[in-house]
N, C-alpha and C. Protein backbone atom coordinates (compact mmCIF):
# COMPACT_ATOMS: atom_id res chain seq x y z
N UNK A 1 -140.02 82.27 61.53
CA UNK A 1 -139.05 82.11 60.35
C UNK A 1 -139.45 82.55 59.04
N UNK A 2 -140.82 82.25 58.82
CA UNK A 2 -141.40 82.76 57.57
C UNK A 2 -141.12 84.24 57.40
N UNK A 3 -141.43 85.03 58.38
CA UNK A 3 -141.41 86.44 58.19
C UNK A 3 -140.04 87.04 57.89
N UNK A 4 -139.05 86.20 58.28
CA UNK A 4 -137.57 86.59 57.92
C UNK A 4 -137.46 86.44 56.36
N UNK A 5 -137.80 85.45 55.91
CA UNK A 5 -137.62 85.10 54.37
C UNK A 5 -138.65 86.04 53.50
N UNK A 6 -139.79 86.39 54.00
CA UNK A 6 -140.66 87.18 53.31
C UNK A 6 -140.10 88.50 53.04
N UNK A 7 -139.22 88.92 53.88
CA UNK A 7 -138.54 90.38 53.66
C UNK A 7 -137.33 90.26 52.88
N UNK A 8 -136.82 89.10 52.57
CA UNK A 8 -135.66 88.86 51.78
C UNK A 8 -135.95 88.92 50.37
N UNK A 9 -135.34 89.82 49.56
CA UNK A 9 -135.64 89.93 48.14
C UNK A 9 -134.79 88.84 47.37
N UNK A 10 -133.58 88.65 47.79
CA UNK A 10 -132.67 87.76 47.00
C UNK A 10 -131.97 86.85 48.04
N UNK A 11 -132.76 85.68 48.41
CA UNK A 11 -132.19 84.80 49.36
C UNK A 11 -131.00 83.98 48.91
N UNK A 12 -130.29 83.40 49.89
CA UNK A 12 -129.13 82.53 49.41
C UNK A 12 -129.66 81.50 48.45
N UNK A 13 -128.82 81.10 47.48
CA UNK A 13 -129.17 80.12 46.40
C UNK A 13 -129.80 78.77 46.94
N UNK A 14 -129.19 78.36 48.04
CA UNK A 14 -129.67 77.08 48.52
C UNK A 14 -131.04 77.07 49.02
N UNK A 15 -131.47 78.26 49.53
CA UNK A 15 -132.84 78.46 50.00
C UNK A 15 -133.81 78.42 48.98
N UNK A 16 -133.43 79.15 47.78
CA UNK A 16 -134.36 79.11 46.57
C UNK A 16 -134.42 77.79 46.05
N UNK A 17 -133.40 77.01 45.99
CA UNK A 17 -133.34 75.66 45.33
C UNK A 17 -134.32 74.83 46.11
N UNK A 18 -134.10 74.69 47.42
CA UNK A 18 -135.00 73.95 48.30
C UNK A 18 -136.33 74.19 48.21
N UNK A 19 -136.63 75.53 48.24
CA UNK A 19 -138.10 75.92 48.07
C UNK A 19 -138.73 75.73 46.83
N UNK A 20 -137.87 75.84 45.74
CA UNK A 20 -138.28 75.44 44.35
C UNK A 20 -138.79 74.03 44.38
N UNK A 21 -137.95 73.15 44.92
CA UNK A 21 -138.23 71.76 44.87
C UNK A 21 -139.56 71.53 45.69
N UNK A 22 -139.71 72.21 46.91
CA UNK A 22 -140.93 72.12 47.73
C UNK A 22 -142.15 72.55 46.82
N UNK A 23 -142.02 73.58 46.25
CA UNK A 23 -143.14 74.08 45.43
C UNK A 23 -143.46 73.10 44.34
N UNK A 24 -142.49 72.47 43.57
CA UNK A 24 -142.73 71.60 42.45
C UNK A 24 -143.50 70.24 43.11
N UNK A 25 -142.89 69.87 44.28
CA UNK A 25 -143.55 68.63 44.86
C UNK A 25 -145.00 68.94 45.35
N UNK A 26 -145.33 70.16 45.78
CA UNK A 26 -146.60 70.38 46.18
C UNK A 26 -147.49 71.01 45.16
N UNK A 27 -146.93 70.97 43.85
CA UNK A 27 -147.84 71.38 42.77
C UNK A 27 -148.11 72.92 42.67
N UNK A 28 -147.22 73.64 43.25
CA UNK A 28 -147.46 75.20 43.17
C UNK A 28 -146.76 75.71 41.98
N UNK A 29 -147.45 76.47 41.17
CA UNK A 29 -146.89 77.02 39.91
C UNK A 29 -146.12 78.15 40.16
N UNK A 30 -144.97 78.21 39.28
CA UNK A 30 -144.12 79.46 39.33
C UNK A 30 -144.60 80.74 38.66
N UNK A 31 -144.00 81.75 39.15
CA UNK A 31 -144.26 83.07 38.22
C UNK A 31 -143.32 82.94 37.05
N UNK A 32 -143.72 83.67 35.98
CA UNK A 32 -142.89 83.66 34.85
C UNK A 32 -142.26 85.13 34.83
N UNK A 33 -140.94 85.19 34.69
CA UNK A 33 -140.23 86.56 34.68
C UNK A 33 -139.14 86.50 33.59
N UNK A 34 -138.94 87.63 33.00
CA UNK A 34 -137.92 87.57 31.98
C UNK A 34 -136.47 87.60 32.57
N UNK A 35 -135.64 86.89 31.98
CA UNK A 35 -134.18 86.86 32.46
C UNK A 35 -133.64 88.18 32.11
N UNK A 36 -133.03 88.84 33.15
CA UNK A 36 -132.44 90.20 32.76
C UNK A 36 -131.47 90.19 31.81
N UNK A 37 -130.58 89.16 31.56
CA UNK A 37 -129.59 89.18 30.57
C UNK A 37 -130.03 88.89 29.12
N UNK A 38 -130.92 87.77 29.09
CA UNK A 38 -131.26 87.27 27.87
C UNK A 38 -132.71 87.67 27.42
N UNK A 39 -133.58 88.07 28.39
CA UNK A 39 -135.08 88.49 28.06
C UNK A 39 -135.86 87.25 27.95
N UNK A 40 -135.23 86.05 28.11
CA UNK A 40 -136.02 84.82 27.97
C UNK A 40 -136.86 84.62 29.21
N UNK A 41 -138.08 84.14 29.05
CA UNK A 41 -138.90 83.99 30.14
C UNK A 41 -138.54 82.71 30.91
N UNK A 42 -138.40 82.90 32.28
CA UNK A 42 -137.94 81.84 33.20
C UNK A 42 -138.97 81.54 34.35
N UNK A 43 -139.09 80.43 34.89
CA UNK A 43 -139.95 80.06 36.04
C UNK A 43 -139.10 80.83 37.25
N UNK A 44 -139.97 81.39 37.96
CA UNK A 44 -139.37 81.99 39.19
C UNK A 44 -140.32 81.55 40.28
N UNK A 45 -139.82 80.79 41.31
CA UNK A 45 -140.55 80.26 42.43
C UNK A 45 -140.47 81.08 43.66
N UNK A 46 -139.68 82.12 43.68
CA UNK A 46 -139.44 82.83 44.90
C UNK A 46 -140.81 83.52 45.34
N UNK A 47 -141.54 84.00 44.51
CA UNK A 47 -142.89 84.72 44.95
C UNK A 47 -143.78 83.64 45.46
N UNK A 48 -144.03 82.61 44.75
CA UNK A 48 -144.78 81.52 45.27
C UNK A 48 -144.29 80.84 46.64
N UNK A 49 -142.96 80.83 46.68
CA UNK A 49 -142.37 80.34 47.96
C UNK A 49 -142.56 81.27 49.02
N UNK A 50 -142.57 82.46 48.85
CA UNK A 50 -142.91 83.50 50.12
C UNK A 50 -144.33 83.26 50.51
N UNK A 51 -145.24 83.12 49.58
CA UNK A 51 -146.62 82.82 49.90
C UNK A 51 -146.69 81.54 50.62
N UNK A 52 -145.98 80.50 50.19
CA UNK A 52 -146.15 79.22 50.84
C UNK A 52 -145.62 79.33 52.21
N UNK A 53 -144.49 80.06 52.45
CA UNK A 53 -143.93 80.13 53.84
C UNK A 53 -144.93 80.81 54.77
N UNK A 54 -145.80 81.72 54.16
CA UNK A 54 -146.77 82.42 54.96
C UNK A 54 -148.00 81.62 55.20
N UNK A 55 -148.10 80.34 54.67
CA UNK A 55 -149.39 79.60 54.78
C UNK A 55 -149.32 78.92 56.21
N UNK A 56 -150.36 79.17 57.01
CA UNK A 56 -150.33 78.59 58.27
C UNK A 56 -150.32 77.06 58.31
N UNK A 57 -150.68 76.45 57.18
CA UNK A 57 -150.75 74.93 57.12
C UNK A 57 -149.58 74.38 56.54
N UNK A 58 -148.46 75.23 56.20
CA UNK A 58 -147.31 74.71 55.36
C UNK A 58 -146.46 73.66 56.01
N UNK A 59 -146.26 73.68 57.37
CA UNK A 59 -145.65 72.61 58.08
C UNK A 59 -146.42 71.34 57.97
N UNK A 60 -147.85 71.49 58.18
CA UNK A 60 -148.72 70.29 58.21
C UNK A 60 -148.59 69.71 56.77
N UNK A 61 -148.61 70.56 55.87
CA UNK A 61 -148.50 69.91 54.43
C UNK A 61 -147.26 69.18 54.20
N UNK A 62 -146.08 69.69 54.64
CA UNK A 62 -144.87 68.96 54.64
C UNK A 62 -144.85 67.63 55.53
N UNK A 63 -145.40 67.67 56.63
CA UNK A 63 -145.59 66.60 57.52
C UNK A 63 -146.34 65.38 56.88
N UNK A 64 -147.42 65.88 56.19
CA UNK A 64 -148.38 64.82 55.61
C UNK A 64 -147.97 64.44 54.29
N UNK A 65 -147.00 65.08 53.63
CA UNK A 65 -146.61 64.70 52.24
C UNK A 65 -146.13 63.23 52.18
N UNK A 66 -146.64 62.54 51.18
CA UNK A 66 -146.26 61.20 51.02
C UNK A 66 -144.70 61.08 50.34
N UNK A 67 -143.80 61.05 51.15
CA UNK A 67 -142.54 61.15 50.67
C UNK A 67 -141.96 59.93 50.11
N UNK A 68 -142.63 58.84 50.42
CA UNK A 68 -142.32 57.48 49.78
C UNK A 68 -142.91 57.27 48.51
N UNK A 69 -143.91 58.05 48.09
CA UNK A 69 -144.64 57.80 46.80
C UNK A 69 -144.67 59.10 45.98
N UNK A 70 -143.52 59.77 45.72
CA UNK A 70 -143.46 61.01 44.98
C UNK A 70 -143.59 60.49 43.44
N UNK A 71 -144.49 61.14 42.84
CA UNK A 71 -144.71 60.65 41.39
C UNK A 71 -143.44 60.90 40.54
N UNK A 72 -143.11 59.98 39.61
CA UNK A 72 -141.97 59.98 38.78
C UNK A 72 -141.88 61.30 38.04
N UNK A 73 -142.94 61.77 37.58
CA UNK A 73 -143.11 63.16 36.81
C UNK A 73 -142.50 64.26 37.69
N UNK A 74 -142.80 64.24 39.03
CA UNK A 74 -142.49 65.23 39.79
C UNK A 74 -140.90 65.15 40.12
N UNK A 75 -140.42 63.87 40.25
CA UNK A 75 -138.95 63.77 40.44
C UNK A 75 -138.32 64.23 39.19
N UNK A 76 -138.78 63.88 37.94
CA UNK A 76 -138.07 64.28 36.78
C UNK A 76 -138.05 65.65 36.64
N UNK A 77 -139.22 66.44 36.94
CA UNK A 77 -139.10 67.86 36.84
C UNK A 77 -138.21 68.50 37.81
N UNK A 78 -138.06 68.08 38.96
CA UNK A 78 -137.03 68.53 39.93
C UNK A 78 -135.60 68.21 39.35
N UNK A 79 -135.39 67.16 38.93
CA UNK A 79 -134.11 66.87 38.15
C UNK A 79 -133.80 67.71 37.04
N UNK A 80 -134.70 67.96 36.18
CA UNK A 80 -134.62 68.80 34.95
C UNK A 80 -134.30 70.28 35.42
N UNK A 81 -134.66 70.64 36.62
CA UNK A 81 -134.41 71.92 37.11
C UNK A 81 -132.87 72.02 37.62
N UNK A 82 -132.28 70.88 37.58
CA UNK A 82 -130.87 70.77 38.03
C UNK A 82 -130.71 71.08 39.43
N UNK A 83 -131.70 70.74 40.21
CA UNK A 83 -131.67 71.01 41.65
C UNK A 83 -130.38 70.38 42.36
N UNK A 84 -130.08 69.13 41.97
CA UNK A 84 -128.95 68.58 42.52
C UNK A 84 -127.65 69.23 42.16
N UNK A 85 -127.59 69.71 40.86
CA UNK A 85 -126.47 70.43 40.43
C UNK A 85 -126.20 71.73 41.32
N UNK A 86 -127.30 72.53 41.50
CA UNK A 86 -127.27 73.63 42.35
C UNK A 86 -126.82 73.37 43.77
N UNK A 87 -127.52 72.39 44.30
CA UNK A 87 -127.06 72.18 45.68
C UNK A 87 -125.67 71.70 45.77
N UNK A 88 -125.23 70.85 44.80
CA UNK A 88 -123.84 70.49 44.86
C UNK A 88 -122.86 71.73 44.70
N UNK A 89 -123.12 72.58 43.85
CA UNK A 89 -122.39 73.64 43.61
C UNK A 89 -122.31 74.66 44.78
N UNK A 90 -123.43 74.85 45.54
CA UNK A 90 -123.49 75.67 46.80
C UNK A 90 -122.88 74.94 47.94
N UNK A 91 -122.93 73.63 48.01
CA UNK A 91 -122.35 72.94 49.13
C UNK A 91 -120.85 72.86 48.88
N UNK A 92 -120.29 72.69 47.66
CA UNK A 92 -118.84 72.41 47.56
C UNK A 92 -118.08 73.72 47.23
N UNK A 93 -118.80 74.82 46.87
CA UNK A 93 -118.08 76.04 46.50
C UNK A 93 -117.18 76.45 47.69
N UNK A 94 -117.54 76.31 49.11
CA UNK A 94 -116.69 76.72 50.07
C UNK A 94 -115.40 75.84 50.27
N UNK A 95 -115.51 74.66 49.56
CA UNK A 95 -114.51 73.56 49.72
C UNK A 95 -113.91 73.23 48.38
N UNK A 96 -113.07 74.02 47.77
CA UNK A 96 -112.57 73.81 46.55
C UNK A 96 -111.81 72.39 46.40
N UNK A 97 -111.50 71.84 47.39
CA UNK A 97 -110.62 70.59 47.30
C UNK A 97 -111.51 69.44 47.09
N UNK A 98 -112.86 69.53 47.24
CA UNK A 98 -113.74 68.36 47.04
C UNK A 98 -113.95 68.08 45.56
N UNK A 99 -114.11 66.81 45.21
CA UNK A 99 -114.39 66.48 43.87
C UNK A 99 -115.54 67.10 43.38
N UNK A 100 -115.73 67.40 42.08
CA UNK A 100 -116.90 67.95 41.45
C UNK A 100 -117.74 67.16 40.85
């Protein structure tokens, strides 16, 4: 599976959002890239995500992650990144009748 995503330059939004959250939880730093429209520097987790997917111990790291004791600072950072808003947008977009 990892080899498929390694070749994808622009993955579906939901894939990026989930892997961004995983990187944050595992303490993996993002790349800094300029926004093409504003020039403002943004965190880009896709490059680090690709490396993470290629890590032979990736699944072990996920299995061993203490999901019941995620530090509040980590949860706050994920929330600040509006992960839930991105997920909600991507999941409800195909279903316009769902409440927003």
